[in-house]
N, C-alpha and C. Protein backbone atom coordinates (compact mmCIF):
# COMPACT_ATOMS: atom_id res chain seq x y z
N UNK A 1 197.73 122.07 143.27
CA UNK A 1 196.98 120.82 143.38
C UNK A 1 196.02 120.86 144.57
N UNK A 2 196.50 121.44 145.71
CA UNK A 2 195.63 121.52 146.88
C UNK A 2 194.37 122.33 146.57
N UNK A 3 194.56 123.42 145.80
CA UNK A 3 193.40 124.23 145.46
C UNK A 3 192.42 123.46 144.62
N UNK A 4 192.90 122.72 143.64
CA UNK A 4 192.02 121.94 142.78
C UNK A 4 191.27 120.89 143.59
N UNK A 5 191.98 120.20 144.49
CA UNK A 5 191.33 119.18 145.31
C UNK A 5 190.24 119.80 146.18
N UNK A 6 190.52 120.96 146.73
CA UNK A 6 189.54 121.64 147.58
C UNK A 6 188.31 122.05 146.76
N UNK A 7 188.54 122.59 145.57
CA UNK A 7 187.40 123.10 144.80
C UNK A 7 186.59 121.96 144.16
N UNK A 8 187.23 120.84 143.87
CA UNK A 8 186.45 119.66 143.45
C UNK A 8 185.54 119.22 144.59
N UNK A 9 186.08 119.21 145.81
CA UNK A 9 185.26 118.87 146.97
C UNK A 9 184.09 119.82 147.14
N UNK A 10 184.35 121.12 146.95
CA UNK A 10 183.26 122.10 147.03
C UNK A 10 182.20 121.84 145.97
N UNK A 11 182.64 121.64 144.73
CA UNK A 11 181.68 121.41 143.66
C UNK A 11 180.86 120.16 143.85
N UNK A 12 181.52 119.07 144.23
CA UNK A 12 180.80 117.82 144.46
C UNK A 12 179.83 117.94 145.64
N UNK A 13 180.27 118.64 146.69
CA UNK A 13 179.40 118.80 147.84
C UNK A 13 178.17 119.63 147.53
N UNK A 14 178.34 120.72 146.80
CA UNK A 14 177.18 121.52 146.40
C UNK A 14 176.24 120.73 145.51
N UNK A 15 176.80 119.93 144.61
CA UNK A 15 175.97 119.11 143.74
C UNK A 15 175.21 118.06 144.53
N UNK A 16 175.88 117.45 145.49
CA UNK A 16 175.21 116.45 146.33
C UNK A 16 174.08 117.08 147.13
N UNK A 17 174.31 118.29 147.65
CA UNK A 17 173.25 119.00 148.38
C UNK A 17 172.06 119.27 147.46
N UNK A 18 172.33 119.64 146.22
CA UNK A 18 171.24 119.86 145.26
C UNK A 18 170.49 118.57 144.97
N UNK A 19 171.20 117.43 145.03
CA UNK A 19 170.54 116.16 144.82
C UNK A 19 169.51 115.86 145.89
N UNK A 20 169.72 116.36 147.10
CA UNK A 20 168.71 116.19 148.16
C UNK A 20 167.50 117.08 147.88
N UNK A 21 167.74 118.35 147.66
CA UNK A 21 166.72 119.32 147.22
C UNK A 21 167.48 120.49 146.62
N UNK A 22 167.13 120.92 145.42
CA UNK A 22 168.02 121.83 144.68
C UNK A 22 167.94 123.30 145.06
N UNK A 23 166.89 123.76 145.71
CA UNK A 23 166.63 125.20 145.75
C UNK A 23 167.51 125.96 146.75
N UNK A 24 167.49 125.57 148.01
CA UNK A 24 168.26 126.32 149.00
C UNK A 24 169.77 126.23 148.78
N UNK A 25 170.32 125.06 148.40
CA UNK A 25 171.76 125.05 148.06
C UNK A 25 172.11 125.97 146.90
N UNK A 26 171.22 126.04 145.91
CA UNK A 26 171.46 126.93 144.77
C UNK A 26 171.44 128.39 145.20
N UNK A 27 170.49 128.74 146.07
CA UNK A 27 170.40 130.11 146.57
C UNK A 27 171.61 130.45 147.44
N UNK A 28 172.02 129.52 148.29
CA UNK A 28 173.18 129.77 149.14
C UNK A 28 174.45 129.95 148.30
N UNK A 29 174.65 129.06 147.33
CA UNK A 29 175.84 129.17 146.47
C UNK A 29 175.83 130.48 145.70
N UNK A 30 174.66 130.87 145.19
CA UNK A 30 174.57 132.13 144.45
C UNK A 30 174.84 133.34 145.34
N UNK A 31 174.31 133.31 146.56
CA UNK A 31 174.53 134.43 147.49
C UNK A 31 176.00 134.52 147.88
N UNK A 32 176.62 133.37 148.17
CA UNK A 32 178.04 133.38 148.51
C UNK A 32 178.89 133.82 147.33
N UNK A 33 178.50 133.37 146.13
CA UNK A 33 179.23 133.77 144.94
C UNK A 33 179.16 135.25 144.68
N UNK A 34 177.98 135.85 144.84
CA UNK A 34 177.83 137.29 144.60
C UNK A 34 178.59 138.09 145.65
N UNK A 35 178.74 137.53 146.85
CA UNK A 35 179.49 138.21 147.91
C UNK A 35 180.98 137.89 147.86
N UNK A 36 181.36 136.90 147.05
CA UNK A 36 182.75 136.48 146.99
C UNK A 36 183.23 135.88 148.29
N UNK A 37 182.34 135.13 148.96
CA UNK A 37 182.65 134.61 150.29
C UNK A 37 182.98 133.12 150.25
N UNK A 38 183.85 132.69 151.12
CA UNK A 38 184.18 131.28 151.37
C UNK A 38 184.70 130.56 150.14
N UNK A 39 185.27 131.28 149.22
CA UNK A 39 185.84 130.66 148.03
C UNK A 39 184.82 130.26 146.99
N UNK A 40 183.57 130.65 147.18
CA UNK A 40 182.51 130.33 146.21
C UNK A 40 182.39 131.49 145.23
N UNK A 41 182.53 131.22 143.95
CA UNK A 41 182.37 132.26 142.93
C UNK A 41 182.07 131.59 141.60
N UNK A 42 181.45 132.36 140.73
CA UNK A 42 181.10 131.86 139.40
C UNK A 42 181.43 132.96 138.38
N UNK A 43 182.15 132.58 137.34
CA UNK A 43 182.59 133.55 136.35
C UNK A 43 182.26 133.06 134.95
N UNK A 44 182.49 133.93 133.98
CA UNK A 44 182.34 133.59 132.56
C UNK A 44 180.94 133.05 132.28
N UNK A 45 180.88 131.87 131.67
CA UNK A 45 179.59 131.31 131.27
C UNK A 45 178.69 130.98 132.47
N UNK A 46 179.29 130.85 133.64
CA UNK A 46 178.52 130.43 134.82
C UNK A 46 178.23 131.60 135.75
N UNK A 47 178.51 132.81 135.30
CA UNK A 47 178.28 133.98 136.15
C UNK A 47 176.82 134.15 136.51
N UNK A 48 175.92 133.65 135.67
CA UNK A 48 174.48 133.80 135.93
C UNK A 48 174.08 133.10 137.23
N UNK A 49 174.87 132.11 137.69
CA UNK A 49 174.52 131.39 138.92
C UNK A 49 174.55 132.27 140.15
N UNK A 50 175.15 133.45 140.06
CA UNK A 50 175.14 134.39 141.18
C UNK A 50 174.45 135.70 140.81
N UNK A 51 173.79 135.72 139.65
CA UNK A 51 173.09 136.93 139.22
C UNK A 51 171.75 137.07 139.95
N UNK A 52 171.34 138.31 140.13
CA UNK A 52 170.10 138.57 140.84
C UNK A 52 168.88 137.94 140.20
N UNK A 53 168.78 138.02 138.86
CA UNK A 53 167.60 137.47 138.19
C UNK A 53 167.52 135.96 138.39
N UNK A 54 168.67 135.29 138.42
CA UNK A 54 168.69 133.84 138.61
C UNK A 54 168.22 133.49 140.03
N UNK A 55 168.72 134.22 141.02
CA UNK A 55 168.33 133.95 142.40
C UNK A 55 166.85 134.21 142.62
N UNK A 56 166.32 135.25 141.98
CA UNK A 56 164.88 135.52 142.08
C UNK A 56 164.09 134.40 141.43
N UNK A 57 164.53 133.93 140.27
CA UNK A 57 163.82 132.85 139.58
C UNK A 57 163.82 131.58 140.42
N UNK A 58 164.97 131.24 141.02
CA UNK A 58 165.04 130.04 141.86
C UNK A 58 164.13 130.19 143.08
N UNK A 59 164.10 131.39 143.66
CA UNK A 59 163.23 131.63 144.81
C UNK A 59 161.77 131.44 144.44
N UNK A 60 161.37 131.93 143.28
CA UNK A 60 159.98 131.79 142.84
C UNK A 60 159.62 130.32 142.62
N UNK A 61 160.52 129.58 142.01
CA UNK A 61 160.26 128.15 141.80
C UNK A 61 160.18 127.43 143.14
N UNK A 62 161.05 127.79 144.06
CA UNK A 62 161.07 127.20 145.39
C UNK A 62 159.75 127.44 146.12
N UNK A 63 159.31 128.67 146.15
CA UNK A 63 158.05 129.01 146.81
C UNK A 63 156.88 128.31 146.13
N UNK A 64 156.89 128.30 144.80
CA UNK A 64 155.81 127.67 144.06
C UNK A 64 155.74 126.17 144.34
N UNK A 65 156.88 125.54 144.57
CA UNK A 65 156.87 124.10 144.86
C UNK A 65 156.14 123.83 146.18
N UNK A 66 156.32 124.70 147.17
CA UNK A 66 155.60 124.52 148.43
C UNK A 66 154.11 124.80 148.27
N UNK A 67 153.79 125.84 147.52
CA UNK A 67 152.37 126.15 147.31
C UNK A 67 151.68 125.02 146.57
N UNK A 68 152.36 124.45 145.58
CA UNK A 68 151.79 123.35 144.82
C UNK A 68 151.61 122.12 145.69
N UNK A 69 152.57 121.87 146.57
CA UNK A 69 152.45 120.72 147.45
C UNK A 69 151.28 120.89 148.42
N UNK A 70 151.10 122.10 148.95
CA UNK A 70 149.98 122.36 149.85
C UNK A 70 148.65 122.18 149.13
N UNK A 71 148.62 122.55 147.88
CA UNK A 71 147.37 122.45 147.12
C UNK A 71 147.06 121.02 146.73
N UNK A 72 148.07 120.27 146.30
CA UNK A 72 147.83 118.92 145.79
C UNK A 72 147.91 117.85 146.87
N UNK A 73 148.63 118.12 147.95
CA UNK A 73 148.94 117.06 148.91
C UNK A 73 150.23 116.37 148.49
N UNK A 74 150.91 115.77 149.47
CA UNK A 74 152.23 115.23 149.20
C UNK A 74 152.21 114.08 148.19
N UNK A 75 151.15 113.23 148.21
CA UNK A 75 151.13 112.09 147.29
C UNK A 75 150.99 112.55 145.85
N UNK A 76 150.00 113.39 145.58
CA UNK A 76 149.81 113.87 144.21
C UNK A 76 150.96 114.75 143.76
N UNK A 77 151.50 115.53 144.70
CA UNK A 77 152.64 116.38 144.37
C UNK A 77 153.82 115.54 143.92
N UNK A 78 154.09 114.43 144.63
CA UNK A 78 155.20 113.56 144.24
C UNK A 78 154.98 113.00 142.84
N UNK A 79 153.76 112.62 142.53
CA UNK A 79 153.48 112.05 141.22
C UNK A 79 153.60 113.09 140.11
N UNK A 80 153.15 114.31 140.40
CA UNK A 80 153.10 115.34 139.36
C UNK A 80 154.43 116.09 139.22
N UNK A 81 155.00 116.50 140.34
CA UNK A 81 156.13 117.44 140.30
C UNK A 81 157.49 116.81 140.54
N UNK A 82 157.54 115.63 141.15
CA UNK A 82 158.84 115.07 141.51
C UNK A 82 159.77 114.85 140.31
N UNK A 83 159.28 114.36 139.16
CA UNK A 83 160.20 114.22 138.02
C UNK A 83 160.86 115.54 137.61
N UNK A 84 160.09 116.64 137.67
CA UNK A 84 160.67 117.94 137.33
C UNK A 84 161.71 118.37 138.36
N UNK A 85 161.44 118.10 139.64
CA UNK A 85 162.39 118.47 140.69
C UNK A 85 163.68 117.67 140.55
N UNK A 86 163.55 116.38 140.22
CA UNK A 86 164.73 115.55 140.01
C UNK A 86 165.57 116.10 138.86
N UNK A 87 164.91 116.46 137.76
CA UNK A 87 165.64 117.03 136.62
C UNK A 87 166.32 118.33 136.99
N UNK A 88 165.64 119.18 137.76
CA UNK A 88 166.24 120.43 138.20
C UNK A 88 167.45 120.17 139.10
N UNK A 89 167.34 119.18 139.99
CA UNK A 89 168.45 118.87 140.89
C UNK A 89 169.68 118.41 140.11
N UNK A 90 169.47 117.54 139.14
CA UNK A 90 170.59 117.04 138.35
C UNK A 90 171.24 118.16 137.53
N UNK A 91 170.40 119.00 136.93
CA UNK A 91 170.92 120.07 136.08
C UNK A 91 171.69 121.11 136.91
N UNK A 92 171.09 121.55 138.01
CA UNK A 92 171.74 122.59 138.82
C UNK A 92 172.98 122.03 139.51
N UNK A 93 172.92 120.78 139.95
CA UNK A 93 174.11 120.17 140.54
C UNK A 93 175.28 120.15 139.57
N UNK A 94 174.99 119.78 138.33
CA UNK A 94 176.04 119.78 137.31
C UNK A 94 176.57 121.18 137.06
N UNK A 95 175.69 122.17 137.00
CA UNK A 95 176.12 123.55 136.74
C UNK A 95 176.95 124.12 137.88
N UNK A 96 176.54 123.86 139.12
CA UNK A 96 177.29 124.38 140.26
C UNK A 96 178.69 123.78 140.34
N UNK A 97 178.79 122.49 140.08
CA UNK A 97 180.10 121.85 140.13
C UNK A 97 180.98 122.37 138.99
N UNK A 98 180.44 122.46 137.79
CA UNK A 98 181.21 122.97 136.66
C UNK A 98 181.60 124.43 136.87
N UNK A 99 180.67 125.23 137.39
CA UNK A 99 180.95 126.64 137.63
C UNK A 99 182.01 126.85 138.69
N UNK A 100 182.02 125.98 139.71
CA UNK A 100 183.04 126.08 140.74
C UNK A 100 184.43 125.84 140.17
N UNK A 101 184.55 124.84 139.31
CA UNK A 101 185.86 124.57 138.71
C UNK A 101 186.27 125.69 137.75
N UNK A 102 185.33 126.16 136.96
CA UNK A 102 185.63 127.20 135.98
C UNK A 102 186.08 128.49 136.66
N UNK A 103 185.50 128.80 137.81
CA UNK A 103 185.83 130.05 138.49
C UNK A 103 187.26 130.07 138.99
N UNK A 104 187.87 128.90 139.13
CA UNK A 104 189.24 128.84 139.66
C UNK A 104 190.23 128.40 138.59
N UNK A 105 189.84 128.61 137.33
CA UNK A 105 190.76 128.39 136.22
C UNK A 105 190.95 126.96 135.81
N UNK A 106 190.08 126.07 136.25
CA UNK A 106 190.20 124.66 135.89
C UNK A 106 189.21 124.34 134.77
N UNK A 107 189.42 123.21 134.10
CA UNK A 107 188.49 122.76 133.06
C UNK A 107 187.12 122.52 133.69
N UNK A 108 186.08 123.09 133.06
CA UNK A 108 184.76 123.03 133.67
C UNK A 108 183.97 121.80 133.27
N UNK A 109 184.26 121.20 132.09
CA UNK A 109 183.39 120.13 131.61
C UNK A 109 183.42 118.88 132.49
N UNK A 110 184.56 118.52 133.15
CA UNK A 110 184.47 117.39 134.08
C UNK A 110 183.52 117.66 135.24
N UNK A 111 183.38 118.96 135.58
CA UNK A 111 182.46 119.31 136.65
C UNK A 111 181.02 119.02 136.29
N UNK A 112 180.67 119.16 135.02
CA UNK A 112 179.31 118.81 134.60
C UNK A 112 179.03 117.33 134.89
N UNK A 113 179.98 116.49 134.54
CA UNK A 113 179.80 115.05 134.74
C UNK A 113 179.81 114.72 136.22
N UNK A 114 180.82 115.23 136.94
CA UNK A 114 180.92 114.94 138.37
C UNK A 114 179.73 115.47 139.15
N UNK A 115 179.29 116.69 138.83
CA UNK A 115 178.14 117.26 139.53
C UNK A 115 176.87 116.49 139.26
N UNK A 116 176.68 116.09 138.00
CA UNK A 116 175.50 115.29 137.65
C UNK A 116 175.50 113.98 138.44
N UNK A 117 176.65 113.31 138.49
CA UNK A 117 176.74 112.02 139.18
C UNK A 117 176.55 112.19 140.69
N UNK A 118 177.11 113.27 141.27
CA UNK A 118 176.94 113.49 142.71
C UNK A 118 175.48 113.77 143.06
N UNK A 119 174.81 114.57 142.24
CA UNK A 119 173.40 114.84 142.48
C UNK A 119 172.56 113.58 142.31
N UNK A 120 172.89 112.77 141.28
CA UNK A 120 172.16 111.52 141.06
C UNK A 120 172.37 110.56 142.23
N UNK A 121 173.58 110.53 142.77
CA UNK A 121 173.87 109.68 143.92
C UNK A 121 173.03 110.10 145.13
N UNK A 122 172.94 111.41 145.36
CA UNK A 122 172.12 111.90 146.47
C UNK A 122 170.66 111.54 146.28
N UNK A 123 170.18 111.63 145.04
CA UNK A 123 168.81 111.23 144.76
C UNK A 123 168.62 109.74 145.04
N UNK A 124 169.58 108.94 144.62
CA UNK A 124 169.49 107.49 144.79
C UNK A 124 169.53 107.11 146.27
N UNK A 125 170.33 107.82 147.05
CA UNK A 125 170.46 107.50 148.47
C UNK A 125 169.26 107.96 149.28
N UNK A 126 168.73 109.15 148.97
CA UNK A 126 167.66 109.73 149.79
C UNK A 126 166.27 109.33 149.33
N UNK A 127 166.10 109.05 148.04
CA UNK A 127 164.77 108.77 147.52
C UNK A 127 164.03 107.66 148.24
N UNK A 128 164.60 106.45 148.34
CA UNK A 128 163.89 105.36 149.02
C UNK A 128 163.58 105.66 150.49
N UNK A 129 164.49 106.39 151.17
CA UNK A 129 164.26 106.73 152.57
C UNK A 129 163.03 107.63 152.70
N UNK A 130 162.94 108.63 151.83
CA UNK A 130 161.80 109.55 151.88
C UNK A 130 160.51 108.83 151.53
N UNK A 131 160.54 107.96 150.54
CA UNK A 131 159.34 107.21 150.15
C UNK A 131 158.86 106.35 151.31
N UNK A 132 159.78 105.64 151.97
CA UNK A 132 159.38 104.80 153.11
C UNK A 132 158.83 105.65 154.24
N UNK A 133 159.45 106.80 154.49
CA UNK A 133 158.97 107.67 155.57
C UNK A 133 157.57 108.17 155.27
N UNK A 134 157.30 108.53 154.01
CA UNK A 134 155.98 109.03 153.67
C UNK A 134 154.91 107.96 153.82
N UNK A 135 155.24 106.72 153.49
CA UNK A 135 154.24 105.65 153.60
C UNK A 135 153.95 105.30 155.06
N UNK A 136 154.89 105.56 155.96
CA UNK A 136 154.70 105.20 157.37
C UNK A 136 154.04 106.30 158.18
N UNK A 137 153.99 107.52 157.65
CA UNK A 137 153.39 108.63 158.38
C UNK A 137 151.92 108.75 158.01
N UNK A 138 151.03 108.57 158.96
CA UNK A 138 149.59 108.62 158.64
C UNK A 138 149.06 110.04 158.46
N UNK A 139 149.70 111.00 159.07
CA UNK A 139 149.21 112.37 159.06
C UNK A 139 149.74 113.14 157.86
N UNK A 140 148.83 113.83 157.15
CA UNK A 140 149.23 114.58 155.95
C UNK A 140 150.24 115.68 156.28
N UNK A 141 150.02 116.38 157.38
CA UNK A 141 150.94 117.46 157.75
C UNK A 141 152.35 116.92 158.01
N UNK A 142 152.42 115.75 158.64
CA UNK A 142 153.73 115.16 158.90
C UNK A 142 154.42 114.76 157.61
N UNK A 143 153.66 114.23 156.65
CA UNK A 143 154.25 113.85 155.37
C UNK A 143 154.76 115.07 154.62
N UNK A 144 153.99 116.15 154.66
CA UNK A 144 154.43 117.36 153.96
C UNK A 144 155.61 118.02 154.67
N UNK A 145 155.73 117.81 155.98
CA UNK A 145 156.86 118.38 156.72
C UNK A 145 158.17 117.73 156.32
N UNK A 146 158.13 116.53 155.74
CA UNK A 146 159.36 115.88 155.28
C UNK A 146 160.11 116.75 154.27
N UNK A 147 159.35 117.49 153.46
CA UNK A 147 159.99 118.37 152.49
C UNK A 147 160.78 119.47 153.19
N UNK A 148 160.24 119.97 154.30
CA UNK A 148 160.95 120.99 155.07
C UNK A 148 162.26 120.42 155.62
N UNK A 149 162.18 119.20 156.15
CA UNK A 149 163.39 118.57 156.70
C UNK A 149 164.42 118.32 155.60
N UNK A 150 163.95 117.93 154.42
CA UNK A 150 164.87 117.67 153.32
C UNK A 150 165.53 118.97 152.86
N UNK A 151 164.76 120.05 152.81
CA UNK A 151 165.34 121.36 152.46
C UNK A 151 166.38 121.77 153.50
N UNK A 152 166.07 121.54 154.78
CA UNK A 152 167.01 121.91 155.85
C UNK A 152 168.29 121.09 155.73
N UNK A 153 168.16 119.80 155.44
CA UNK A 153 169.34 118.94 155.31
C UNK A 153 170.19 119.38 154.12
N UNK A 154 169.54 119.72 153.01
CA UNK A 154 170.27 120.17 151.82
C UNK A 154 171.01 121.48 152.10
N UNK A 155 170.34 122.40 152.79
CA UNK A 155 170.97 123.68 153.12
C UNK A 155 172.14 123.48 154.07
N UNK A 156 171.96 122.62 155.07
CA UNK A 156 173.03 122.37 156.03
C UNK A 156 174.25 121.76 155.34
N UNK A 157 174.00 120.80 154.44
CA UNK A 157 175.12 120.18 153.73
C UNK A 157 175.85 121.20 152.88
N UNK A 158 175.10 122.02 152.15
CA UNK A 158 175.74 123.04 151.32
C UNK A 158 176.54 124.03 152.16
N UNK A 159 176.00 124.42 153.32
CA UNK A 159 176.71 125.35 154.18
C UNK A 159 177.99 124.76 154.75
N UNK A 160 177.92 123.49 155.17
CA UNK A 160 179.12 122.84 155.71
C UNK A 160 180.21 122.70 154.64
N UNK A 161 179.80 122.33 153.44
CA UNK A 161 180.76 122.16 152.36
C UNK A 161 181.37 123.51 151.97
N UNK A 162 180.57 124.57 152.01
CA UNK A 162 181.11 125.89 151.71
C UNK A 162 182.13 126.32 152.76
N UNK A 163 181.90 125.93 154.01
CA UNK A 163 182.84 126.28 155.08
C UNK A 163 184.12 125.43 155.02
N UNK A 164 183.94 124.13 154.78
CA UNK A 164 185.08 123.20 154.74
C UNK A 164 184.94 122.38 153.46
N UNK A 165 185.62 122.80 152.40
CA UNK A 165 185.42 122.20 151.08
C UNK A 165 185.63 120.69 151.02
N UNK A 166 186.63 120.12 151.69
CA UNK A 166 186.83 118.67 151.59
C UNK A 166 185.68 117.84 152.15
N UNK A 167 184.78 118.46 152.92
CA UNK A 167 183.61 117.72 153.39
C UNK A 167 182.75 117.23 152.23
N UNK A 168 182.95 117.81 151.04
CA UNK A 168 182.22 117.32 149.87
C UNK A 168 182.55 115.87 149.58
N UNK A 169 183.81 115.50 149.76
CA UNK A 169 184.20 114.09 149.55
C UNK A 169 183.55 113.20 150.59
N UNK A 170 183.50 113.67 151.83
CA UNK A 170 182.87 112.90 152.90
C UNK A 170 181.38 112.71 152.61
N UNK A 171 180.73 113.78 152.14
CA UNK A 171 179.31 113.70 151.82
C UNK A 171 179.05 112.68 150.72
N UNK A 172 179.86 112.71 149.68
CA UNK A 172 179.69 111.77 148.58
C UNK A 172 179.91 110.34 149.06
N UNK A 173 180.93 110.13 149.90
CA UNK A 173 181.19 108.79 150.43
C UNK A 173 180.03 108.30 151.28
N UNK A 174 179.48 109.16 152.13
CA UNK A 174 178.35 108.76 152.96
C UNK A 174 177.12 108.45 152.12
N UNK A 175 176.88 109.26 151.11
CA UNK A 175 175.73 109.01 150.23
C UNK A 175 175.89 107.70 149.48
N UNK A 176 177.13 107.40 149.05
CA UNK A 176 177.37 106.13 148.38
C UNK A 176 177.09 104.96 149.32
N UNK A 177 177.47 105.12 150.58
CA UNK A 177 177.22 104.07 151.56
C UNK A 177 175.72 103.89 151.79
N UNK A 178 174.99 105.01 151.93
CA UNK A 178 173.54 104.93 152.11
C UNK A 178 172.87 104.30 150.89
N UNK A 179 173.33 104.65 149.71
CA UNK A 179 172.74 104.06 148.50
C UNK A 179 173.00 102.56 148.45
N UNK A 180 174.21 102.16 148.84
CA UNK A 180 174.53 100.72 148.86
C UNK A 180 173.70 100.00 149.90
N UNK A 181 173.55 100.62 151.09
CA UNK A 181 172.73 100.01 152.13
C UNK A 181 171.28 99.91 151.71
N UNK A 182 170.78 100.95 151.03
CA UNK A 182 169.40 100.90 150.56
C UNK A 182 169.19 99.80 149.54
N UNK A 183 170.15 99.62 148.67
CA UNK A 183 170.05 98.57 147.67
C UNK A 183 170.10 97.19 148.32
N UNK A 184 171.01 97.03 149.29
CA UNK A 184 171.10 95.74 149.99
C UNK A 184 169.82 95.46 150.77
N UNK A 185 169.27 96.49 151.39
CA UNK A 185 168.03 96.30 152.15
C UNK A 185 166.88 95.93 151.24
N UNK A 186 166.82 96.58 150.07
CA UNK A 186 165.78 96.24 149.11
C UNK A 186 165.88 94.80 148.65
N UNK A 187 167.12 94.33 148.45
CA UNK A 187 167.31 92.94 148.05
C UNK A 187 166.88 91.98 149.15
N UNK A 188 167.21 92.32 150.41
CA UNK A 188 166.80 91.47 151.54
C UNK A 188 165.29 91.39 151.65
N UNK A 189 164.61 92.53 151.42
CA UNK A 189 163.15 92.54 151.50
C UNK A 189 162.53 91.69 150.40
N UNK A 190 163.13 91.73 149.19
CA UNK A 190 162.61 90.90 148.10
C UNK A 190 162.79 89.43 148.41
N UNK A 191 163.95 89.06 148.94
CA UNK A 191 164.18 87.66 149.28
C UNK A 191 163.25 87.21 150.40
N UNK A 192 163.00 88.09 151.36
CA UNK A 192 162.07 87.74 152.44
C UNK A 192 160.67 87.51 151.89
N UNK A 193 160.28 88.34 150.93
CA UNK A 193 158.97 88.17 150.30
C UNK A 193 158.87 86.84 149.56
N UNK A 194 159.94 86.46 148.88
CA UNK A 194 159.93 85.18 148.16
C UNK A 194 159.84 84.01 149.14
N UNK A 195 160.53 84.12 150.28
CA UNK A 195 160.46 83.04 151.26
C UNK A 195 159.06 82.88 151.81
N UNK A 196 158.39 84.03 152.03
CA UNK A 196 157.01 83.97 152.54
C UNK A 196 156.09 83.32 151.52
N UNK A 197 156.27 83.66 150.22
CA UNK A 197 155.44 83.06 149.17
C UNK A 197 155.64 81.56 149.08
N UNK A 198 156.87 81.12 149.29
CA UNK A 198 157.15 79.68 149.20
C UNK A 198 156.47 78.89 150.30
N UNK A 199 156.24 79.56 151.43
CA UNK A 199 155.53 78.89 152.51
C UNK A 199 154.04 78.73 152.17
């Protein structure tokens, strides 16, 4: 039971990291899996998550996302590419969580659901924060640097969860709190706007 609890935490944590930004957590998980390090591994149907061709493909998509952002600017990039990045985050988060469970002899299909939900929660918690930050930064370079910070945060979360698997539960709980706070703040702002209109 302890092993299952630990590996659920690992899977949820990796999925949550992918919800922030999918590329570096996916590369880290694949590299650790191919090395058999820190309890991260992928077998059977999910073995491709640590295969060389998969890691190269993720790297190319990752690099291309930065090149596209530099070419389009952060505003146009968000409008054009963000839906695809969100879909990639949800899909890879689900796969990493399911693959983590499958590698340790557990049923993998709950991992698809749990990983999808953890990645979606991370998107829900971080999305409004990033949008507000981008609107408040007047400098284009500063707005584009937010992507670097988000990648760093996603990588750090994935690394911490790989080192200490139960931190995945802590990450999910914190993201749930941030999502709740963001929703409450949005409601307060709407009510404030209505009060101003009534005046």
